[in-house]
Amino acid sequence: MTGKDGKEAYTRAGDLRLTPEGLLQTGAGLSVLGEAGQPIAVPPAQKVEIGKDGTISIVPQGVNATNTVLVDRIKLVSADPANLEKLEDGLMHPKQGGVLPADANVTLIQGSLESSNVNAMAAMVEMIELSRSFDMQSKVMKDIDENAAAAAKLMQVA
């Protein structure tokens, strides 16, 4: 994909869409690149399919549904995570710069989107419970210290 700075960048985001102009983009509006490194443009079609290998096939408008045309192939890459860095644009970039070569062995999982492995609501509830528990324990320790000080003062008077 083309990052906001115009350089090639990488993502695992699979929320793809077609613009009215026929450009294939991510949900964030960034252009998806083909194997040649150019943004993918899809002509008007009755049906668009993306295969496991990233090939984009269409049934052109006004043509029999059995006639499919290969448009392009999404550039899929494989990289060692240690050689990538996530920058402020939220995309992955090679640490040494440049671009990664396409890898024909990489496949897509159709109909799936990666999501966080964290349940935000459960994490928030747990954080609130832990905060309250900490506050209660701090209050108990403060009360113990005050009682010890009061007992020590009584012992000095007697």
N, C-alpha and C. Protein backbone atom coordinates (compact mmCIF):
# COMPACT_ATOMS: atom_id res chain seq x y z
N MET A 1 0.83 -1.16 0.00
CA MET A 1 0.00 0.00 0.00
C MET A 1 0.87 1.23 0.00
N THR A 2 0.30 2.31 -0.41
CA THR A 2 1.02 3.56 -0.41
C THR A 2 0.67 4.30 0.87
N GLY A 3 1.70 4.61 1.67
CA GLY A 3 1.48 5.34 2.91
C GLY A 3 1.15 6.79 2.64
N LYS A 4 0.84 7.52 3.69
CA LYS A 4 0.47 8.93 3.55
C LYS A 4 1.64 9.77 3.01
N ASP A 5 2.87 9.28 3.21
CA ASP A 5 4.03 10.00 2.71
C ASP A 5 4.37 9.63 1.27
N GLY A 6 3.56 8.77 0.64
CA GLY A 6 3.78 8.37 -0.75
C GLY A 6 4.71 7.18 -0.90
N LYS A 7 5.33 6.73 0.20
CA LYS A 7 6.23 5.58 0.15
C LYS A 7 5.45 4.29 0.39
N GLU A 8 6.01 3.20 -0.09
CA GLU A 8 5.36 1.91 0.12
C GLU A 8 5.44 1.52 1.58
N ALA A 9 4.31 1.07 2.11
CA ALA A 9 4.22 0.65 3.49
C ALA A 9 3.37 -0.61 3.53
N TYR A 10 3.31 -1.26 4.70
CA TYR A 10 2.65 -2.56 4.78
C TYR A 10 1.68 -2.59 5.96
N THR A 11 0.62 -3.37 5.78
CA THR A 11 -0.39 -3.54 6.81
C THR A 11 -1.00 -4.92 6.69
N ARG A 12 -1.63 -5.36 7.76
CA ARG A 12 -2.37 -6.62 7.73
C ARG A 12 -3.86 -6.34 7.65
N ALA A 13 -4.22 -5.07 7.53
CA ALA A 13 -5.63 -4.69 7.45
C ALA A 13 -6.26 -5.28 6.21
N GLY A 14 -7.41 -5.86 6.35
CA GLY A 14 -8.07 -6.50 5.22
C GLY A 14 -9.40 -5.86 4.86
N ASP A 15 -9.67 -4.71 5.42
CA ASP A 15 -10.94 -4.03 5.13
C ASP A 15 -10.79 -3.20 3.85
N LEU A 16 -10.91 -3.88 2.72
CA LEU A 16 -10.70 -3.24 1.42
C LEU A 16 -12.02 -2.75 0.85
N ARG A 17 -11.91 -1.70 0.02
CA ARG A 17 -13.09 -1.15 -0.63
C ARG A 17 -12.69 -0.55 -1.97
N LEU A 18 -13.68 -0.35 -2.82
CA LEU A 18 -13.46 0.30 -4.11
C LEU A 18 -14.00 1.71 -4.04
N THR A 19 -13.23 2.67 -4.53
CA THR A 19 -13.71 4.05 -4.60
C THR A 19 -14.61 4.19 -5.82
N PRO A 20 -15.36 5.27 -5.91
CA PRO A 20 -16.18 5.48 -7.12
C PRO A 20 -15.34 5.52 -8.40
N GLU A 21 -14.06 5.87 -8.26
CA GLU A 21 -13.16 5.91 -9.42
C GLU A 21 -12.60 4.53 -9.74
N GLY A 22 -12.88 3.53 -8.89
CA GLY A 22 -12.42 2.17 -9.13
C GLY A 22 -11.08 1.83 -8.49
N LEU A 23 -10.55 2.70 -7.63
CA LEU A 23 -9.29 2.40 -6.96
C LEU A 23 -9.54 1.50 -5.76
N LEU A 24 -8.69 0.50 -5.58
CA LEU A 24 -8.78 -0.39 -4.43
C LEU A 24 -8.03 0.25 -3.27
N GLN A 25 -8.75 0.43 -2.14
CA GLN A 25 -8.16 1.10 -0.98
C GLN A 25 -8.45 0.31 0.29
N THR A 26 -7.66 0.63 1.32
CA THR A 26 -7.94 0.08 2.65
C THR A 26 -9.06 0.90 3.28
N GLY A 27 -9.55 0.44 4.41
CA GLY A 27 -10.58 1.18 5.12
C GLY A 27 -10.12 2.57 5.53
N ALA A 28 -8.80 2.77 5.65
CA ALA A 28 -8.24 4.07 6.02
C ALA A 28 -8.07 4.99 4.81
N GLY A 29 -8.40 4.49 3.61
CA GLY A 29 -8.31 5.31 2.40
C GLY A 29 -6.95 5.30 1.73
N LEU A 30 -6.09 4.34 2.08
CA LEU A 30 -4.78 4.25 1.44
C LEU A 30 -4.84 3.28 0.27
N SER A 31 -4.16 3.62 -0.82
CA SER A 31 -4.20 2.81 -2.03
C SER A 31 -3.49 1.48 -1.83
N VAL A 32 -4.12 0.42 -2.34
CA VAL A 32 -3.51 -0.92 -2.31
C VAL A 32 -2.70 -1.07 -3.58
N LEU A 33 -1.48 -1.58 -3.43
CA LEU A 33 -0.58 -1.71 -4.57
C LEU A 33 -0.64 -3.10 -5.19
N GLY A 34 -0.45 -3.13 -6.51
CA GLY A 34 -0.34 -4.38 -7.23
C GLY A 34 1.10 -4.85 -7.26
N GLU A 35 1.35 -5.97 -7.93
CA GLU A 35 2.70 -6.53 -7.98
C GLU A 35 3.70 -5.59 -8.63
N ALA A 36 3.23 -4.73 -9.54
CA ALA A 36 4.13 -3.78 -10.21
C ALA A 36 4.42 -2.57 -9.33
N GLY A 37 3.79 -2.50 -8.15
CA GLY A 37 4.04 -1.37 -7.25
C GLY A 37 3.16 -0.17 -7.54
N GLN A 38 2.17 -0.32 -8.39
CA GLN A 38 1.25 0.77 -8.73
C GLN A 38 -0.10 0.53 -8.06
N PRO A 39 -0.83 1.61 -7.74
CA PRO A 39 -2.17 1.43 -7.16
C PRO A 39 -3.05 0.60 -8.10
N ILE A 40 -3.89 -0.23 -7.51
CA ILE A 40 -4.76 -1.10 -8.29
C ILE A 40 -6.04 -0.36 -8.64
N ALA A 41 -6.33 -0.32 -9.97
CA ALA A 41 -7.58 0.27 -10.46
C ALA A 41 -8.42 -0.85 -11.03
N VAL A 42 -9.67 -0.92 -10.58
CA VAL A 42 -10.58 -1.97 -11.03
C VAL A 42 -11.63 -1.34 -11.93
N PRO A 43 -11.74 -1.82 -13.19
CA PRO A 43 -12.76 -1.26 -14.08
C PRO A 43 -14.17 -1.61 -13.61
N PRO A 44 -15.18 -0.89 -14.09
CA PRO A 44 -16.56 -1.19 -13.69
C PRO A 44 -16.87 -2.67 -13.92
N ALA A 45 -17.48 -3.29 -12.91
CA ALA A 45 -17.70 -4.73 -12.98
C ALA A 45 -19.00 -5.12 -12.29
N GLN A 46 -19.55 -6.27 -12.72
CA GLN A 46 -20.72 -6.85 -12.07
C GLN A 46 -20.31 -7.53 -10.78
N LYS A 47 -19.10 -8.09 -10.80
CA LYS A 47 -18.63 -8.87 -9.66
C LYS A 47 -17.12 -8.73 -9.56
N VAL A 48 -16.63 -8.57 -8.33
CA VAL A 48 -15.19 -8.49 -8.07
C VAL A 48 -14.85 -9.58 -7.07
N GLU A 49 -13.80 -10.35 -7.35
CA GLU A 49 -13.35 -11.39 -6.43
C GLU A 49 -11.86 -11.25 -6.21
N ILE A 50 -11.44 -11.50 -4.96
CA ILE A 50 -10.01 -11.51 -4.63
C ILE A 50 -9.70 -12.93 -4.19
N GLY A 51 -8.77 -13.58 -4.90
CA GLY A 51 -8.41 -14.95 -4.59
C GLY A 51 -7.45 -15.05 -3.43
N LYS A 52 -7.21 -16.28 -2.97
CA LYS A 52 -6.30 -16.51 -1.85
C LYS A 52 -4.88 -16.01 -2.14
N ASP A 53 -4.51 -16.03 -3.41
CA ASP A 53 -3.17 -15.57 -3.79
C ASP A 53 -3.12 -14.07 -4.07
N GLY A 54 -4.24 -13.36 -3.84
CA GLY A 54 -4.28 -11.92 -4.04
C GLY A 54 -4.69 -11.49 -5.43
N THR A 55 -5.00 -12.45 -6.32
CA THR A 55 -5.42 -12.08 -7.66
C THR A 55 -6.81 -11.48 -7.63
N ILE A 56 -6.98 -10.41 -8.38
CA ILE A 56 -8.26 -9.73 -8.46
C ILE A 56 -8.88 -10.04 -9.81
N SER A 57 -10.03 -10.70 -9.77
CA SER A 57 -10.75 -11.06 -10.99
C SER A 57 -12.09 -10.35 -10.98
N ILE A 58 -12.54 -9.98 -12.17
CA ILE A 58 -13.84 -9.32 -12.29
C ILE A 58 -14.67 -9.97 -13.39
N VAL A 59 -15.96 -9.75 -13.29
CA VAL A 59 -16.87 -10.03 -14.39
C VAL A 59 -17.27 -8.64 -14.89
N PRO A 60 -16.75 -8.24 -16.07
CA PRO A 60 -17.04 -6.89 -16.57
C PRO A 60 -18.55 -6.65 -16.75
N GLN A 61 -18.95 -5.40 -16.64
CA GLN A 61 -20.36 -5.05 -16.81
C GLN A 61 -20.81 -5.39 -18.23
N GLY A 62 -22.01 -5.95 -18.34
CA GLY A 62 -22.58 -6.26 -19.64
C GLY A 62 -22.02 -7.51 -20.29
N VAL A 63 -21.29 -8.33 -19.53
CA VAL A 63 -20.68 -9.55 -20.07
C VAL A 63 -21.28 -10.74 -19.34
N ASN A 64 -21.29 -11.89 -20.00
CA ASN A 64 -21.78 -13.13 -19.39
C ASN A 64 -21.01 -13.40 -18.10
N ALA A 65 -21.72 -13.83 -17.06
CA ALA A 65 -21.12 -14.04 -15.73
C ALA A 65 -20.04 -15.11 -15.73
N THR A 66 -19.94 -15.92 -16.77
CA THR A 66 -18.90 -16.96 -16.81
C THR A 66 -17.59 -16.42 -17.36
N ASN A 67 -17.59 -15.21 -17.87
CA ASN A 67 -16.37 -14.60 -18.43
C ASN A 67 -15.70 -13.74 -17.38
N THR A 68 -14.63 -14.23 -16.80
CA THR A 68 -13.90 -13.44 -15.80
C THR A 68 -12.62 -12.90 -16.42
N VAL A 69 -12.21 -11.76 -15.92
CA VAL A 69 -11.00 -11.10 -16.41
C VAL A 69 -10.09 -10.85 -15.22
N LEU A 70 -8.81 -11.19 -15.36
CA LEU A 70 -7.82 -10.93 -14.32
C LEU A 70 -7.40 -9.48 -14.41
N VAL A 71 -7.54 -8.74 -13.31
CA VAL A 71 -7.21 -7.32 -13.29
C VAL A 71 -5.78 -7.09 -12.82
N ASP A 72 -5.43 -7.65 -11.68
CA ASP A 72 -4.11 -7.44 -11.08
C ASP A 72 -3.98 -8.42 -9.93
N ARG A 73 -2.85 -8.34 -9.24
CA ARG A 73 -2.62 -9.14 -8.04
C ARG A 73 -2.10 -8.23 -6.96
N ILE A 74 -2.71 -8.30 -5.80
CA ILE A 74 -2.26 -7.49 -4.66
C ILE A 74 -0.84 -7.90 -4.31
N LYS A 75 0.00 -6.92 -4.06
CA LYS A 75 1.38 -7.21 -3.68
C LYS A 75 1.39 -7.72 -2.24
N LEU A 76 1.67 -9.00 -2.09
CA LEU A 76 1.76 -9.62 -0.78
C LEU A 76 3.23 -9.86 -0.47
N VAL A 77 3.66 -9.51 0.72
CA VAL A 77 5.06 -9.65 1.11
C VAL A 77 5.16 -10.47 2.38
N SER A 78 6.34 -11.02 2.59
CA SER A 78 6.66 -11.73 3.82
C SER A 78 7.91 -11.09 4.39
N ALA A 79 7.85 -10.74 5.66
CA ALA A 79 9.00 -10.07 6.28
C ALA A 79 9.16 -10.55 7.71
N ASP A 80 10.39 -10.56 8.15
CA ASP A 80 10.69 -10.86 9.55
C ASP A 80 10.25 -9.65 10.38
N PRO A 81 9.39 -9.85 11.37
CA PRO A 81 8.94 -8.72 12.18
C PRO A 81 10.08 -7.91 12.80
N ALA A 82 11.21 -8.55 13.02
CA ALA A 82 12.36 -7.83 13.60
C ALA A 82 12.92 -6.80 12.63
N ASN A 83 12.64 -6.96 11.33
CA ASN A 83 13.15 -6.03 10.32
C ASN A 83 12.14 -4.94 9.95
N LEU A 84 11.01 -4.93 10.66
CA LEU A 84 9.98 -3.92 10.40
C LEU A 84 9.82 -3.03 11.62
N GLU A 85 9.37 -1.81 11.37
CA GLU A 85 9.05 -0.91 12.47
C GLU A 85 7.73 -0.22 12.17
N LYS A 86 6.95 -0.04 13.22
CA LYS A 86 5.66 0.64 13.07
C LYS A 86 5.89 2.11 13.33
N LEU A 87 5.58 2.94 12.36
CA LEU A 87 5.79 4.38 12.50
C LEU A 87 4.49 5.06 12.92
N GLU A 88 4.56 6.39 13.07
CA GLU A 88 3.40 7.14 13.57
C GLU A 88 2.19 7.07 12.66
N ASP A 89 2.36 6.64 11.41
CA ASP A 89 1.21 6.50 10.50
C ASP A 89 0.45 5.20 10.75
N GLY A 90 0.96 4.36 11.66
CA GLY A 90 0.29 3.10 11.99
C GLY A 90 0.61 1.98 11.03
N LEU A 91 1.49 2.21 10.08
CA LEU A 91 1.85 1.20 9.08
C LEU A 91 3.24 0.66 9.36
N MET A 92 3.51 -0.51 8.82
CA MET A 92 4.82 -1.14 8.99
C MET A 92 5.74 -0.69 7.85
N HIS A 93 6.99 -0.37 8.21
CA HIS A 93 7.99 0.07 7.25
C HIS A 93 9.27 -0.73 7.50
N PRO A 94 10.01 -1.08 6.43
CA PRO A 94 11.29 -1.77 6.64
C PRO A 94 12.25 -0.85 7.41
N LYS A 95 12.96 -1.38 8.40
CA LYS A 95 13.88 -0.58 9.21
C LYS A 95 14.98 0.04 8.35
N GLN A 96 15.46 -0.72 7.36
CA GLN A 96 16.54 -0.21 6.53
C GLN A 96 16.03 0.59 5.33
N GLY A 97 14.72 0.85 5.27
CA GLY A 97 14.13 1.60 4.16
C GLY A 97 13.93 0.72 2.95
N GLY A 98 13.51 1.32 1.87
CA GLY A 98 13.29 0.57 0.64
C GLY A 98 11.95 -0.13 0.64
N VAL A 99 11.83 -1.12 -0.26
CA VAL A 99 10.58 -1.88 -0.38
C VAL A 99 10.89 -3.37 -0.30
N LEU A 100 9.89 -4.12 0.10
CA LEU A 100 10.04 -5.57 0.19
C LEU A 100 9.58 -6.21 -1.11
N PRO A 101 10.22 -7.30 -1.53
CA PRO A 101 9.79 -7.98 -2.75
C PRO A 101 8.50 -8.76 -2.52
N ALA A 102 7.72 -8.94 -3.57
CA ALA A 102 6.50 -9.72 -3.49
C ALA A 102 6.86 -11.18 -3.20
N ASP A 103 6.02 -11.87 -2.46
CA ASP A 103 6.24 -13.27 -2.11
C ASP A 103 5.03 -14.07 -2.56
N ALA A 104 5.22 -14.96 -3.54
CA ALA A 104 4.11 -15.75 -4.10
C ALA A 104 3.58 -16.77 -3.12
N ASN A 105 4.29 -17.04 -2.03
CA ASN A 105 3.85 -18.05 -1.05
C ASN A 105 2.90 -17.50 0.00
N VAL A 106 2.74 -16.19 0.05
CA VAL A 106 1.84 -15.57 1.03
C VAL A 106 0.41 -15.70 0.51
N THR A 107 -0.52 -16.02 1.42
CA THR A 107 -1.92 -16.16 1.01
C THR A 107 -2.82 -15.29 1.87
N LEU A 108 -4.00 -15.04 1.34
CA LEU A 108 -5.01 -14.27 2.05
C LEU A 108 -6.07 -15.20 2.60
N ILE A 109 -6.71 -14.79 3.67
CA ILE A 109 -7.85 -15.53 4.21
C ILE A 109 -9.07 -14.68 3.91
N GLN A 110 -9.92 -15.18 3.02
CA GLN A 110 -11.07 -14.42 2.59
C GLN A 110 -12.16 -14.38 3.66
N GLY A 111 -12.83 -13.24 3.75
CA GLY A 111 -13.94 -13.09 4.68
C GLY A 111 -13.52 -12.92 6.12
N SER A 112 -12.26 -12.67 6.36
CA SER A 112 -11.76 -12.53 7.73
C SER A 112 -11.08 -11.19 7.91
N LEU A 113 -11.26 -10.63 9.08
CA LEU A 113 -10.55 -9.42 9.46
C LEU A 113 -9.84 -9.69 10.77
N GLU A 114 -8.59 -9.26 10.85
CA GLU A 114 -7.88 -9.37 12.12
C GLU A 114 -8.42 -8.33 13.06
N SER A 115 -8.51 -8.70 14.30
CA SER A 115 -8.93 -7.73 15.30
C SER A 115 -8.06 -7.91 16.53
N SER A 116 -8.27 -7.06 17.46
CA SER A 116 -7.49 -7.10 18.69
C SER A 116 -7.82 -8.36 19.49
N ASN A 117 -6.84 -8.88 20.20
CA ASN A 117 -7.09 -10.02 21.06
C ASN A 117 -7.45 -9.56 22.48
N VAL A 118 -7.77 -8.28 22.60
CA VAL A 118 -8.13 -7.70 23.89
C VAL A 118 -9.60 -7.27 23.83
N ASN A 119 -10.37 -7.67 24.85
CA ASN A 119 -11.74 -7.21 24.97
C ASN A 119 -11.69 -5.90 25.75
N ALA A 120 -11.95 -4.80 25.08
CA ALA A 120 -11.80 -3.48 25.70
C ALA A 120 -12.70 -3.30 26.92
N MET A 121 -13.93 -3.77 26.83
CA MET A 121 -14.85 -3.61 27.98
C MET A 121 -14.37 -4.41 29.19
N ALA A 122 -13.98 -5.66 28.96
CA ALA A 122 -13.51 -6.49 30.07
C ALA A 122 -12.24 -5.89 30.69
N ALA A 123 -11.35 -5.37 29.86
CA ALA A 123 -10.12 -4.77 30.37
C ALA A 123 -10.43 -3.52 31.19
N MET A 124 -11.39 -2.72 30.73
CA MET A 124 -11.76 -1.50 31.46
C MET A 124 -12.39 -1.86 32.81
N VAL A 125 -13.29 -2.83 32.84
CA VAL A 125 -13.92 -3.25 34.09
C VAL A 125 -12.88 -3.78 35.06
N GLU A 126 -11.95 -4.60 34.57
CA GLU A 126 -10.89 -5.14 35.43
C GLU A 126 -10.01 -4.03 35.99
N MET A 127 -9.71 -3.04 35.16
CA MET A 127 -8.87 -1.93 35.60
C MET A 127 -9.58 -1.13 36.71
N ILE A 128 -10.88 -0.91 36.54
CA ILE A 128 -11.64 -0.18 37.57
C ILE A 128 -11.68 -0.97 38.87
N GLU A 129 -11.91 -2.31 38.76
CA GLU A 129 -11.93 -3.15 39.96
C GLU A 129 -10.58 -3.14 40.66
N LEU A 130 -9.50 -3.22 39.92
CA LEU A 130 -8.17 -3.18 40.52
C LEU A 130 -7.90 -1.84 41.19
N SER A 131 -8.33 -0.77 40.56
CA SER A 131 -8.14 0.57 41.14
C SER A 131 -8.89 0.70 42.46
N ARG A 132 -10.13 0.20 42.49
CA ARG A 132 -10.91 0.27 43.74
C ARG A 132 -10.29 -0.60 44.82
N SER A 133 -9.82 -1.77 44.46
CA SER A 133 -9.17 -2.66 45.42
C SER A 133 -7.92 -1.99 45.99
N PHE A 134 -7.14 -1.35 45.14
CA PHE A 134 -5.94 -0.65 45.59
C PHE A 134 -6.31 0.46 46.57
N ASP A 135 -7.35 1.23 46.24
CA ASP A 135 -7.79 2.31 47.12
C ASP A 135 -8.22 1.78 48.48
N MET A 136 -8.98 0.67 48.47
CA MET A 136 -9.44 0.09 49.74
C MET A 136 -8.26 -0.41 50.57
N GLN A 137 -7.31 -1.08 49.96
CA GLN A 137 -6.15 -1.58 50.69
C GLN A 137 -5.31 -0.43 51.24
N SER A 138 -5.19 0.64 50.46
CA SER A 138 -4.45 1.82 50.95
C SER A 138 -5.15 2.42 52.16
N LYS A 139 -6.49 2.48 52.13
CA LYS A 139 -7.25 3.02 53.26
C LYS A 139 -7.08 2.14 54.50
N VAL A 140 -7.13 0.81 54.31
CA VAL A 140 -6.95 -0.10 55.44
C VAL A 140 -5.57 0.10 56.06
N MET A 141 -4.52 0.21 55.23
CA MET A 141 -3.16 0.41 55.75
C MET A 141 -3.05 1.74 56.49
N LYS A 142 -3.74 2.78 55.98
CA LYS A 142 -3.71 4.08 56.64
C LYS A 142 -4.42 3.99 58.01
N ASP A 143 -5.56 3.28 58.04
CA ASP A 143 -6.29 3.10 59.30
C ASP A 143 -5.44 2.32 60.31
N ILE A 144 -4.73 1.30 59.86
CA ILE A 144 -3.85 0.52 60.76
C ILE A 144 -2.76 1.41 61.33
N ASP A 145 -2.16 2.24 60.48
CA ASP A 145 -1.11 3.15 60.96
C ASP A 145 -1.68 4.14 61.99
N GLU A 146 -2.88 4.67 61.74
CA GLU A 146 -3.50 5.62 62.69
C GLU A 146 -3.82 4.92 64.02
N ASN A 147 -4.33 3.68 63.94
CA ASN A 147 -4.64 2.93 65.18
C ASN A 147 -3.36 2.63 65.95
N ALA A 148 -2.29 2.27 65.24
CA ALA A 148 -1.02 1.98 65.91
C ALA A 148 -0.48 3.23 66.59
N ALA A 149 -0.61 4.36 65.90
CA ALA A 149 -0.14 5.62 66.49
C ALA A 149 -0.97 5.98 67.73
N ALA A 150 -2.29 5.78 67.67
CA ALA A 150 -3.15 6.07 68.81
C ALA A 150 -2.83 5.14 69.98
N ALA A 151 -2.59 3.86 69.69
CA ALA A 151 -2.23 2.90 70.75
C ALA A 151 -0.90 3.28 71.37
N ALA A 152 0.05 3.68 70.59
CA ALA A 152 1.35 4.07 71.11
C ALA A 152 1.22 5.31 72.00
N LYS A 153 0.34 6.23 71.61
CA LYS A 153 0.14 7.44 72.41
C LYS A 153 -0.52 7.08 73.75
N LEU A 154 -1.46 6.14 73.74
CA LEU A 154 -2.08 5.70 74.98
C LEU A 154 -1.07 5.02 75.90
N MET A 155 -0.16 4.25 75.33
CA MET A 155 0.83 3.54 76.12
C MET A 155 1.81 4.52 76.77
N GLN A 156 2.08 5.65 76.10
CA GLN A 156 2.99 6.62 76.67
C GLN A 156 2.34 7.35 77.85
N VAL A 157 1.05 7.58 77.79
CA VAL A 157 0.35 8.31 78.82
C VAL A 157 0.26 7.44 80.08
N ALA A 158 0.05 6.17 79.91
CA ALA A 158 -0.15 5.29 81.05
C ALA A 158 1.11 5.01 81.75
